[in-house]
Amino acid sequence: DEYIERRRHLFALCRKHRLEQLGPPIIEYTPEETRIWREVSPRLDELHVRHACSIYLRYGQRHLAGRAMIGHAIHTGLAGGPETALQLISNGLSLIEGHREPDLVIAAVHNQIWFLVDCERYDEARKILFLNRGRFLRATASGHISDLKMRWLEGRIDAGRGQLARSEEVLREVRD
């Protein structure tokens, strides 16, 4: 079946990227796949968070509950719910043990800033970026997040704050 073969291919690709620490693969989804996932993803995420978080918390696994919540937050924000995503990220960050998974903290904070910009909360985004700059730079030095991502966030924040010349400069720098 074509569907099963496609799922196997995508699974193998993602697994290879994870095992070889290549970062997430770039996948071009078909219009049908995109349509289907837009319909089912919010419901699956909701069920996952509702059940996974409660199960993890019931067994004292706060870190795993926070991890599940952050994953749900990112999906929620990307699906057009940035305000809800911000609350979920905040709750998730309060549950995780950052020293266990510093990359998770960085991903959560990066997305938190992104969604704050989406919500036009530029000053708050700028403050969080400033407070986490050291964390981002340490991660950049170890190859976990690129300086370009941090600079892109800066450009988005500057654009939202009306600092268009600075934003344009930063975004061109990132592009080039």
N, C-alpha and C. Protein backbone atom coordinates (compact mmCIF):
# COMPACT_ATOMS: atom_id res chain seq x y z
N ASP A 1 0.84 -1.17 0.00
CA ASP A 1 0.00 0.00 0.00
C ASP A 1 0.90 1.25 0.00
N GLU A 2 0.55 2.22 -0.82
CA GLU A 2 1.35 3.43 -0.97
C GLU A 2 1.46 4.22 0.34
N TYR A 3 0.36 4.29 1.08
CA TYR A 3 0.34 5.02 2.34
C TYR A 3 1.33 4.41 3.34
N ILE A 4 1.28 3.10 3.48
CA ILE A 4 2.17 2.41 4.43
C ILE A 4 3.62 2.59 4.02
N GLU A 5 3.90 2.49 2.74
CA GLU A 5 5.27 2.66 2.25
C GLU A 5 5.77 4.08 2.54
N ARG A 6 4.92 5.07 2.35
CA ARG A 6 5.29 6.46 2.63
C ARG A 6 5.59 6.64 4.11
N ARG A 7 4.76 6.06 4.98
CA ARG A 7 5.00 6.15 6.43
C ARG A 7 6.32 5.49 6.80
N ARG A 8 6.62 4.35 6.22
CA ARG A 8 7.90 3.66 6.48
C ARG A 8 9.08 4.53 6.06
N HIS A 9 8.96 5.15 4.89
CA HIS A 9 10.02 6.02 4.39
C HIS A 9 10.25 7.19 5.35
N LEU A 10 9.17 7.84 5.77
CA LEU A 10 9.29 8.99 6.66
C LEU A 10 9.86 8.57 8.02
N PHE A 11 9.43 7.43 8.54
CA PHE A 11 9.95 6.93 9.80
C PHE A 11 11.45 6.67 9.69
N ALA A 12 11.87 6.00 8.62
CA ALA A 12 13.29 5.70 8.43
C ALA A 12 14.11 6.98 8.31
N LEU A 13 13.59 7.95 7.59
CA LEU A 13 14.29 9.22 7.43
C LEU A 13 14.45 9.94 8.78
N CYS A 14 13.39 10.01 9.54
CA CYS A 14 13.44 10.67 10.84
C CYS A 14 14.37 9.94 11.80
N ARG A 15 14.30 8.63 11.77
CA ARG A 15 15.16 7.82 12.64
C ARG A 15 16.63 8.03 12.31
N LYS A 16 16.95 8.04 11.02
CA LYS A 16 18.33 8.27 10.58
C LYS A 16 18.82 9.63 11.06
N HIS A 17 18.00 10.64 10.90
CA HIS A 17 18.40 11.98 11.33
C HIS A 17 18.59 12.04 12.84
N ARG A 18 17.74 11.34 13.57
CA ARG A 18 17.87 11.36 15.03
C ARG A 18 19.12 10.60 15.48
N LEU A 19 19.33 9.40 14.95
CA LEU A 19 20.47 8.60 15.35
C LEU A 19 21.80 9.24 14.96
N GLU A 20 21.83 9.90 13.82
CA GLU A 20 23.06 10.53 13.35
C GLU A 20 23.15 11.99 13.78
N GLN A 21 22.20 12.42 14.62
CA GLN A 21 22.16 13.79 15.17
C GLN A 21 22.28 14.84 14.06
N LEU A 22 21.47 14.67 13.03
CA LEU A 22 21.48 15.58 11.88
C LEU A 22 20.46 16.70 12.03
N GLY A 23 19.69 16.67 13.10
CA GLY A 23 18.61 17.64 13.24
C GLY A 23 17.39 17.13 12.50
N PRO A 24 16.29 17.82 12.61
CA PRO A 24 15.07 17.35 11.95
C PRO A 24 15.23 17.37 10.43
N PRO A 25 14.73 16.33 9.76
CA PRO A 25 14.82 16.32 8.30
C PRO A 25 13.83 17.31 7.69
N ILE A 26 14.13 17.77 6.52
CA ILE A 26 13.20 18.63 5.80
C ILE A 26 12.34 17.70 4.94
N ILE A 27 11.06 17.70 5.22
CA ILE A 27 10.12 16.80 4.54
C ILE A 27 9.09 17.63 3.80
N GLU A 28 8.90 17.32 2.56
CA GLU A 28 7.85 17.98 1.80
C GLU A 28 6.62 17.08 1.81
N TYR A 29 5.63 17.52 2.57
CA TYR A 29 4.41 16.75 2.68
C TYR A 29 3.50 17.06 1.48
N THR A 30 2.75 16.06 1.10
CA THR A 30 1.79 16.25 0.02
C THR A 30 0.63 17.10 0.53
N PRO A 31 -0.11 17.74 -0.35
CA PRO A 31 -1.28 18.51 0.10
C PRO A 31 -2.27 17.66 0.91
N GLU A 32 -2.43 16.41 0.51
CA GLU A 32 -3.34 15.52 1.24
C GLU A 32 -2.83 15.23 2.65
N GLU A 33 -1.51 14.98 2.79
CA GLU A 33 -0.94 14.76 4.12
C GLU A 33 -1.11 16.00 5.00
N THR A 34 -0.86 17.14 4.43
CA THR A 34 -1.01 18.40 5.17
C THR A 34 -2.44 18.58 5.63
N ARG A 35 -3.40 18.33 4.75
CA ARG A 35 -4.82 18.48 5.10
C ARG A 35 -5.20 17.53 6.23
N ILE A 36 -4.78 16.29 6.10
CA ILE A 36 -5.13 15.29 7.12
C ILE A 36 -4.53 15.66 8.47
N TRP A 37 -3.24 16.02 8.48
CA TRP A 37 -2.60 16.33 9.76
C TRP A 37 -3.15 17.59 10.39
N ARG A 38 -3.59 18.54 9.58
CA ARG A 38 -4.21 19.74 10.15
C ARG A 38 -5.50 19.38 10.86
N GLU A 39 -6.18 18.37 10.37
CA GLU A 39 -7.43 17.94 10.99
C GLU A 39 -7.21 17.11 12.24
N VAL A 40 -6.28 16.14 12.16
CA VAL A 40 -6.15 15.21 13.28
C VAL A 40 -5.13 15.63 14.32
N SER A 41 -4.13 16.41 13.95
CA SER A 41 -3.07 16.76 14.88
C SER A 41 -3.56 17.46 16.14
N PRO A 42 -4.41 18.48 16.03
CA PRO A 42 -4.87 19.12 17.27
C PRO A 42 -5.57 18.15 18.22
N ARG A 43 -6.35 17.25 17.67
CA ARG A 43 -7.06 16.29 18.52
C ARG A 43 -6.09 15.29 19.16
N LEU A 44 -5.13 14.81 18.37
CA LEU A 44 -4.14 13.88 18.91
C LEU A 44 -3.29 14.55 19.98
N ASP A 45 -2.89 15.78 19.73
CA ASP A 45 -2.11 16.52 20.71
C ASP A 45 -2.89 16.70 22.01
N GLU A 46 -4.15 17.06 21.86
CA GLU A 46 -5.00 17.26 23.03
C GLU A 46 -5.10 15.97 23.84
N LEU A 47 -5.33 14.86 23.16
CA LEU A 47 -5.42 13.58 23.86
C LEU A 47 -4.10 13.21 24.51
N HIS A 48 -3.01 13.44 23.79
CA HIS A 48 -1.69 13.12 24.33
C HIS A 48 -1.42 13.91 25.60
N VAL A 49 -1.66 15.21 25.54
CA VAL A 49 -1.39 16.03 26.71
C VAL A 49 -2.30 15.65 27.86
N ARG A 50 -3.58 15.50 27.55
CA ARG A 50 -4.53 15.18 28.61
C ARG A 50 -4.14 13.88 29.30
N HIS A 51 -3.84 12.86 28.52
CA HIS A 51 -3.58 11.55 29.10
C HIS A 51 -2.11 11.37 29.50
N ALA A 52 -1.18 11.75 28.65
CA ALA A 52 0.23 11.55 28.96
C ALA A 52 0.63 12.35 30.18
N CYS A 53 0.27 13.63 30.20
CA CYS A 53 0.65 14.47 31.34
C CYS A 53 0.07 13.94 32.64
N SER A 54 -1.19 13.57 32.62
CA SER A 54 -1.79 13.08 33.87
C SER A 54 -1.16 11.76 34.32
N ILE A 55 -0.85 10.90 33.36
CA ILE A 55 -0.20 9.63 33.72
C ILE A 55 1.20 9.89 34.27
N TYR A 56 1.96 10.72 33.59
CA TYR A 56 3.31 11.04 34.08
C TYR A 56 3.25 11.65 35.47
N LEU A 57 2.33 12.58 35.67
CA LEU A 57 2.24 13.22 36.98
C LEU A 57 1.78 12.24 38.06
N ARG A 58 0.86 11.35 37.70
CA ARG A 58 0.38 10.34 38.66
C ARG A 58 1.53 9.48 39.17
N TYR A 59 2.52 9.23 38.31
CA TYR A 59 3.65 8.39 38.69
C TYR A 59 4.88 9.20 39.07
N GLY A 60 4.68 10.49 39.32
CA GLY A 60 5.77 11.33 39.81
C GLY A 60 6.79 11.72 38.76
N GLN A 61 6.45 11.60 37.51
CA GLN A 61 7.37 11.91 36.42
C GLN A 61 7.11 13.32 35.89
N ARG A 62 7.43 14.32 36.72
CA ARG A 62 7.17 15.71 36.36
C ARG A 62 7.92 16.12 35.09
N HIS A 63 9.14 15.67 34.98
CA HIS A 63 9.94 16.04 33.80
C HIS A 63 9.27 15.55 32.51
N LEU A 64 8.83 14.32 32.51
CA LEU A 64 8.19 13.77 31.31
C LEU A 64 6.85 14.46 31.03
N ALA A 65 6.15 14.82 32.09
CA ALA A 65 4.89 15.56 31.89
C ALA A 65 5.19 16.92 31.26
N GLY A 66 6.22 17.58 31.74
CA GLY A 66 6.61 18.87 31.17
C GLY A 66 7.06 18.75 29.73
N ARG A 67 7.77 17.68 29.45
CA ARG A 67 8.24 17.42 28.08
C ARG A 67 7.04 17.25 27.13
N ALA A 68 6.07 16.47 27.57
CA ALA A 68 4.87 16.26 26.76
C ALA A 68 4.12 17.57 26.56
N MET A 69 4.05 18.37 27.61
CA MET A 69 3.34 19.64 27.53
C MET A 69 4.03 20.61 26.57
N ILE A 70 5.35 20.65 26.60
CA ILE A 70 6.10 21.52 25.69
C ILE A 70 5.91 21.06 24.24
N GLY A 71 5.95 19.76 24.02
CA GLY A 71 5.70 19.25 22.67
C GLY A 71 4.33 19.65 22.16
N HIS A 72 3.35 19.53 23.02
CA HIS A 72 1.98 19.93 22.66
C HIS A 72 1.92 21.43 22.39
N ALA A 73 2.64 22.19 23.20
CA ALA A 73 2.65 23.65 23.03
C ALA A 73 3.18 24.05 21.67
N ILE A 74 4.25 23.42 21.26
CA ILE A 74 4.86 23.77 19.97
C ILE A 74 3.89 23.46 18.84
N HIS A 75 3.26 22.30 18.89
CA HIS A 75 2.27 21.95 17.86
C HIS A 75 1.10 22.92 17.88
N THR A 76 0.65 23.27 19.06
CA THR A 76 -0.48 24.20 19.19
C THR A 76 -0.14 25.56 18.61
N GLY A 77 1.04 26.05 18.93
CA GLY A 77 1.45 27.35 18.41
C GLY A 77 1.59 27.36 16.91
N LEU A 78 2.18 26.31 16.37
CA LEU A 78 2.37 26.23 14.92
C LEU A 78 1.05 26.02 14.19
N ALA A 79 0.06 25.47 14.89
CA ALA A 79 -1.26 25.26 14.28
C ALA A 79 -2.15 26.49 14.40
N GLY A 80 -1.59 27.60 14.90
CA GLY A 80 -2.36 28.84 14.96
C GLY A 80 -2.89 29.21 16.32
N GLY A 81 -2.38 28.60 17.37
CA GLY A 81 -2.82 28.92 18.72
C GLY A 81 -1.69 29.41 19.60
N PRO A 82 -1.05 30.54 19.24
CA PRO A 82 0.14 30.97 20.00
C PRO A 82 -0.15 31.34 21.45
N GLU A 83 -1.30 31.92 21.75
CA GLU A 83 -1.60 32.29 23.15
C GLU A 83 -1.70 31.04 24.03
N THR A 84 -2.40 30.03 23.54
CA THR A 84 -2.51 28.77 24.28
C THR A 84 -1.14 28.12 24.41
N ALA A 85 -0.37 28.18 23.33
CA ALA A 85 0.98 27.60 23.34
C ALA A 85 1.85 28.26 24.41
N LEU A 86 1.74 29.55 24.56
CA LEU A 86 2.55 30.26 25.56
C LEU A 86 2.24 29.76 26.97
N GLN A 87 0.96 29.54 27.26
CA GLN A 87 0.59 29.04 28.58
C GLN A 87 1.14 27.62 28.79
N LEU A 88 1.02 26.79 27.76
CA LEU A 88 1.52 25.42 27.85
C LEU A 88 3.04 25.40 28.02
N ILE A 89 3.75 26.25 27.30
CA ILE A 89 5.22 26.31 27.43
C ILE A 89 5.59 26.71 28.85
N SER A 90 4.93 27.73 29.36
CA SER A 90 5.20 28.18 30.72
C SER A 90 4.98 27.05 31.72
N ASN A 91 3.87 26.36 31.60
CA ASN A 91 3.58 25.24 32.50
C ASN A 91 4.60 24.12 32.32
N GLY A 92 4.94 23.81 31.07
CA GLY A 92 5.90 22.75 30.80
C GLY A 92 7.27 23.06 31.36
N LEU A 93 7.73 24.32 31.18
CA LEU A 93 9.04 24.71 31.71
C LEU A 93 9.08 24.61 33.23
N SER A 94 7.94 24.83 33.88
CA SER A 94 7.92 24.75 35.35
C SER A 94 8.03 23.30 35.83
N LEU A 95 7.78 22.36 34.96
CA LEU A 95 7.81 20.95 35.36
C LEU A 95 9.13 20.25 35.03
N ILE A 96 9.83 20.71 34.01
CA ILE A 96 11.01 19.96 33.58
C ILE A 96 12.24 20.29 34.42
N GLU A 97 13.19 19.37 34.38
CA GLU A 97 14.49 19.56 35.01
C GLU A 97 15.44 19.95 33.88
N GLY A 98 15.71 21.23 33.77
CA GLY A 98 16.48 21.76 32.66
C GLY A 98 17.84 21.13 32.48
N HIS A 99 18.48 20.74 33.57
CA HIS A 99 19.81 20.13 33.46
C HIS A 99 19.76 18.76 32.76
N ARG A 100 18.61 18.09 32.81
CA ARG A 100 18.47 16.80 32.15
C ARG A 100 18.44 16.92 30.63
N GLU A 101 17.78 17.96 30.15
CA GLU A 101 17.63 18.16 28.72
C GLU A 101 17.74 19.64 28.37
N PRO A 102 18.96 20.15 28.36
CA PRO A 102 19.12 21.57 28.04
C PRO A 102 18.59 21.93 26.65
N ASP A 103 18.67 21.00 25.70
CA ASP A 103 18.14 21.27 24.36
C ASP A 103 16.63 21.47 24.39
N LEU A 104 15.94 20.77 25.28
CA LEU A 104 14.50 20.94 25.41
C LEU A 104 14.17 22.33 25.92
N VAL A 105 14.95 22.80 26.89
CA VAL A 105 14.73 24.15 27.42
C VAL A 105 14.95 25.18 26.31
N ILE A 106 16.00 25.00 25.55
CA ILE A 106 16.31 25.95 24.47
C ILE A 106 15.19 25.95 23.43
N ALA A 107 14.73 24.76 23.05
CA ALA A 107 13.64 24.68 22.07
C ALA A 107 12.38 25.34 22.62
N ALA A 108 12.10 25.12 23.89
CA ALA A 108 10.91 25.71 24.51
C ALA A 108 11.02 27.24 24.54
N VAL A 109 12.16 27.74 24.95
CA VAL A 109 12.34 29.19 25.04
C VAL A 109 12.32 29.82 23.65
N HIS A 110 12.96 29.16 22.70
CA HIS A 110 12.95 29.67 21.32
C HIS A 110 11.51 29.80 20.82
N ASN A 111 10.72 28.76 21.02
CA ASN A 111 9.32 28.80 20.58
C ASN A 111 8.50 29.78 21.40
N GLN A 112 8.80 29.92 22.67
CA GLN A 112 8.11 30.90 23.50
C GLN A 112 8.31 32.30 22.92
N ILE A 113 9.53 32.63 22.57
CA ILE A 113 9.82 33.94 21.99
C ILE A 113 9.11 34.08 20.65
N TRP A 114 9.17 33.05 19.84
CA TRP A 114 8.51 33.07 18.52
C TRP A 114 7.01 33.37 18.68
N PHE A 115 6.37 32.66 19.60
CA PHE A 115 4.93 32.83 19.78
C PHE A 115 4.59 34.19 20.42
N LEU A 116 5.48 34.71 21.27
CA LEU A 116 5.27 36.05 21.80
C LEU A 116 5.26 37.07 20.66
N VAL A 117 6.16 36.91 19.71
CA VAL A 117 6.18 37.81 18.55
C VAL A 117 4.90 37.63 17.75
N ASP A 118 4.47 36.38 17.57
CA ASP A 118 3.21 36.13 16.85
C ASP A 118 2.03 36.84 17.53
N CYS A 119 2.10 36.97 18.85
CA CYS A 119 1.04 37.63 19.62
C CYS A 119 1.29 39.13 19.78
N GLU A 120 2.29 39.62 19.09
CA GLU A 120 2.65 41.05 19.12
C GLU A 120 3.04 41.52 20.52
N ARG A 121 3.65 40.64 21.28
CA ARG A 121 4.15 40.96 22.62
C ARG A 121 5.67 41.11 22.53
N TYR A 122 6.08 42.12 21.80
CA TYR A 122 7.48 42.31 21.41
C TYR A 122 8.40 42.61 22.58
N ASP A 123 7.96 43.46 23.51
CA ASP A 123 8.82 43.81 24.64
C ASP A 123 9.08 42.59 25.52
N GLU A 124 8.05 41.79 25.72
CA GLU A 124 8.21 40.56 26.52
C GLU A 124 9.15 39.58 25.81
N ALA A 125 8.99 39.46 24.49
CA ALA A 125 9.86 38.59 23.70
C ALA A 125 11.31 39.05 23.80
N ARG A 126 11.51 40.37 23.70
CA ARG A 126 12.86 40.93 23.78
C ARG A 126 13.48 40.65 25.14
N LYS A 127 12.70 40.80 26.19
CA LYS A 127 13.20 40.56 27.55
C LYS A 127 13.62 39.09 27.72
N ILE A 128 12.77 38.18 27.27
CA ILE A 128 13.09 36.75 27.41
C ILE A 128 14.32 36.39 26.59
N LEU A 129 14.43 36.96 25.40
CA LEU A 129 15.63 36.70 24.59
C LEU A 129 16.87 37.23 25.31
N PHE A 130 16.78 38.42 25.86
CA PHE A 130 17.90 39.00 26.59
C PHE A 130 18.29 38.12 27.78
N LEU A 131 17.30 37.69 28.55
CA LEU A 131 17.57 36.87 29.74
C LEU A 131 18.15 35.50 29.38
N ASN A 132 17.88 35.02 28.17
CA ASN A 132 18.34 33.69 27.77
C ASN A 132 19.48 33.72 26.76
N ARG A 133 20.00 34.91 26.47
CA ARG A 133 21.06 35.04 25.46
C ARG A 133 22.24 34.12 25.77
N GLY A 134 22.67 34.08 27.03
CA GLY A 134 23.78 33.21 27.41
C GLY A 134 23.50 31.75 27.13
N ARG A 135 22.29 31.33 27.43
CA ARG A 135 21.88 29.94 27.18
C ARG A 135 21.95 29.64 25.68
N PHE A 136 21.45 30.59 24.86
CA PHE A 136 21.47 30.41 23.41
C PHE A 136 22.90 30.36 22.90
N LEU A 137 23.76 31.24 23.42
CA LEU A 137 25.14 31.27 22.95
C LEU A 137 25.90 30.01 23.34
N ARG A 138 25.66 29.52 24.55
CA ARG A 138 26.31 28.26 24.96
C ARG A 138 25.86 27.11 24.06
N ALA A 139 24.58 27.10 23.74
CA ALA A 139 24.05 26.05 22.87
C ALA A 139 24.63 26.18 21.47
N THR A 140 24.79 27.42 20.99
CA THR A 140 25.36 27.64 19.67
C THR A 140 26.79 27.11 19.64
N ALA A 141 27.55 27.36 20.70
CA ALA A 141 28.93 26.89 20.75
C ALA A 141 29.01 25.37 20.70
N SER A 142 28.01 24.70 21.24
CA SER A 142 28.02 23.24 21.22
C SER A 142 27.25 22.67 20.03
N GLY A 143 26.77 23.56 19.15
CA GLY A 143 26.15 23.12 17.91
C GLY A 143 24.68 22.78 17.99
N HIS A 144 24.02 23.11 19.08
CA HIS A 144 22.61 22.72 19.23
C HIS A 144 21.62 23.71 18.64
N ILE A 145 22.00 24.94 18.58
CA ILE A 145 21.11 25.93 17.97
C ILE A 145 22.00 26.95 17.29
N SER A 146 21.61 27.36 16.16
CA SER A 146 22.49 28.26 15.45
C SER A 146 22.28 29.70 15.88
N ASP A 147 23.35 30.45 15.78
CA ASP A 147 23.29 31.88 16.04
C ASP A 147 22.26 32.52 15.11
N LEU A 148 22.09 31.92 13.94
CA LEU A 148 21.14 32.48 12.98
C LEU A 148 19.71 32.47 13.52
N LYS A 149 19.34 31.43 14.24
CA LYS A 149 17.99 31.38 14.81
C LYS A 149 17.78 32.49 15.83
N MET A 150 18.80 32.72 16.65
CA MET A 150 18.69 33.78 17.64
C MET A 150 18.61 35.14 16.94
N ARG A 151 19.44 35.34 15.94
CA ARG A 151 19.42 36.60 15.20
C ARG A 151 18.08 36.79 14.47
N TRP A 152 17.52 35.71 13.95
CA TRP A 152 16.22 35.80 13.27
C TRP A 152 15.15 36.28 14.25
N LEU A 153 15.18 35.73 15.46
CA LEU A 153 14.25 36.19 16.48
C LEU A 153 14.43 37.68 16.75
N GLU A 154 15.68 38.11 16.85
CA GLU A 154 15.96 39.53 17.08
C GLU A 154 15.36 40.38 15.95
N GLY A 155 15.53 39.92 14.71
CA GLY A 155 14.97 40.66 13.57
C GLY A 155 13.46 40.75 13.62
N ARG A 156 12.81 39.67 13.99
CA ARG A 156 11.34 39.67 14.10
C ARG A 156 10.88 40.62 15.20
N ILE A 157 11.59 40.60 16.33
CA ILE A 157 11.24 41.48 17.44
C ILE A 157 11.43 42.94 17.03
N ASP A 158 12.57 43.24 16.40
CA ASP A 158 12.83 44.62 15.96
C ASP A 158 11.76 45.09 14.98
N ALA A 159 11.35 44.23 14.07
CA ALA A 159 10.30 44.61 13.11
C ALA A 159 9.01 44.94 13.84
N GLY A 160 8.65 44.12 14.81
CA GLY A 160 7.43 44.36 15.56
C GLY A 160 7.47 45.62 16.40
N ARG A 161 8.66 45.98 16.85
CA ARG A 161 8.82 47.19 17.66
C ARG A 161 8.99 48.44 16.81
N GLY A 162 8.90 48.26 15.49
CA GLY A 162 8.99 49.42 14.60
C GLY A 162 10.41 49.84 14.26
N GLN A 163 11.38 49.04 14.65
CA GLN A 163 12.78 49.34 14.35
C GLN A 163 13.12 48.66 13.02
N LEU A 164 12.54 49.19 11.96
CA LEU A 164 12.59 48.53 10.66
C LEU A 164 13.98 48.49 10.05
N ALA A 165 14.75 49.55 10.18
CA ALA A 165 16.10 49.56 9.61
C ALA A 165 16.96 48.50 10.28
N ARG A 166 16.88 48.43 11.62
CA ARG A 166 17.66 47.43 12.35
C ARG A 166 17.17 46.01 11.99
N SER A 167 15.86 45.86 11.92
CA SER A 167 15.29 44.56 11.56
C SER A 167 15.77 44.12 10.19
N GLU A 168 15.70 45.02 9.24
CA GLU A 168 16.13 44.69 7.88
C GLU A 168 17.60 44.29 7.86
N GLU A 169 18.41 45.02 8.60
CA GLU A 169 19.85 44.71 8.67
C GLU A 169 20.09 43.30 9.23
N VAL A 170 19.41 43.01 10.33
CA VAL A 170 19.58 41.70 10.98
C VAL A 170 19.07 40.58 10.07
N LEU A 171 17.90 40.75 9.49
CA LEU A 171 17.32 39.70 8.66
C LEU A 171 18.15 39.48 7.38
N ARG A 172 18.69 40.55 6.83
CA ARG A 172 19.59 40.38 5.66
C ARG A 172 20.85 39.63 6.05
N GLU A 173 21.37 39.97 7.22
CA GLU A 173 22.57 39.30 7.73
C GLU A 173 22.31 37.80 7.86
N VAL A 174 21.17 37.47 8.41
CA VAL A 174 20.80 36.05 8.58
C VAL A 174 20.64 35.38 7.22
N ARG A 175 19.96 36.05 6.31
CA ARG A 175 19.72 35.48 4.98
C ARG A 175 21.04 35.23 4.24
N ASP A 176 21.95 36.18 4.34
CA ASP A 176 23.22 36.07 3.61
C ASP A 176 24.16 35.14 4.32
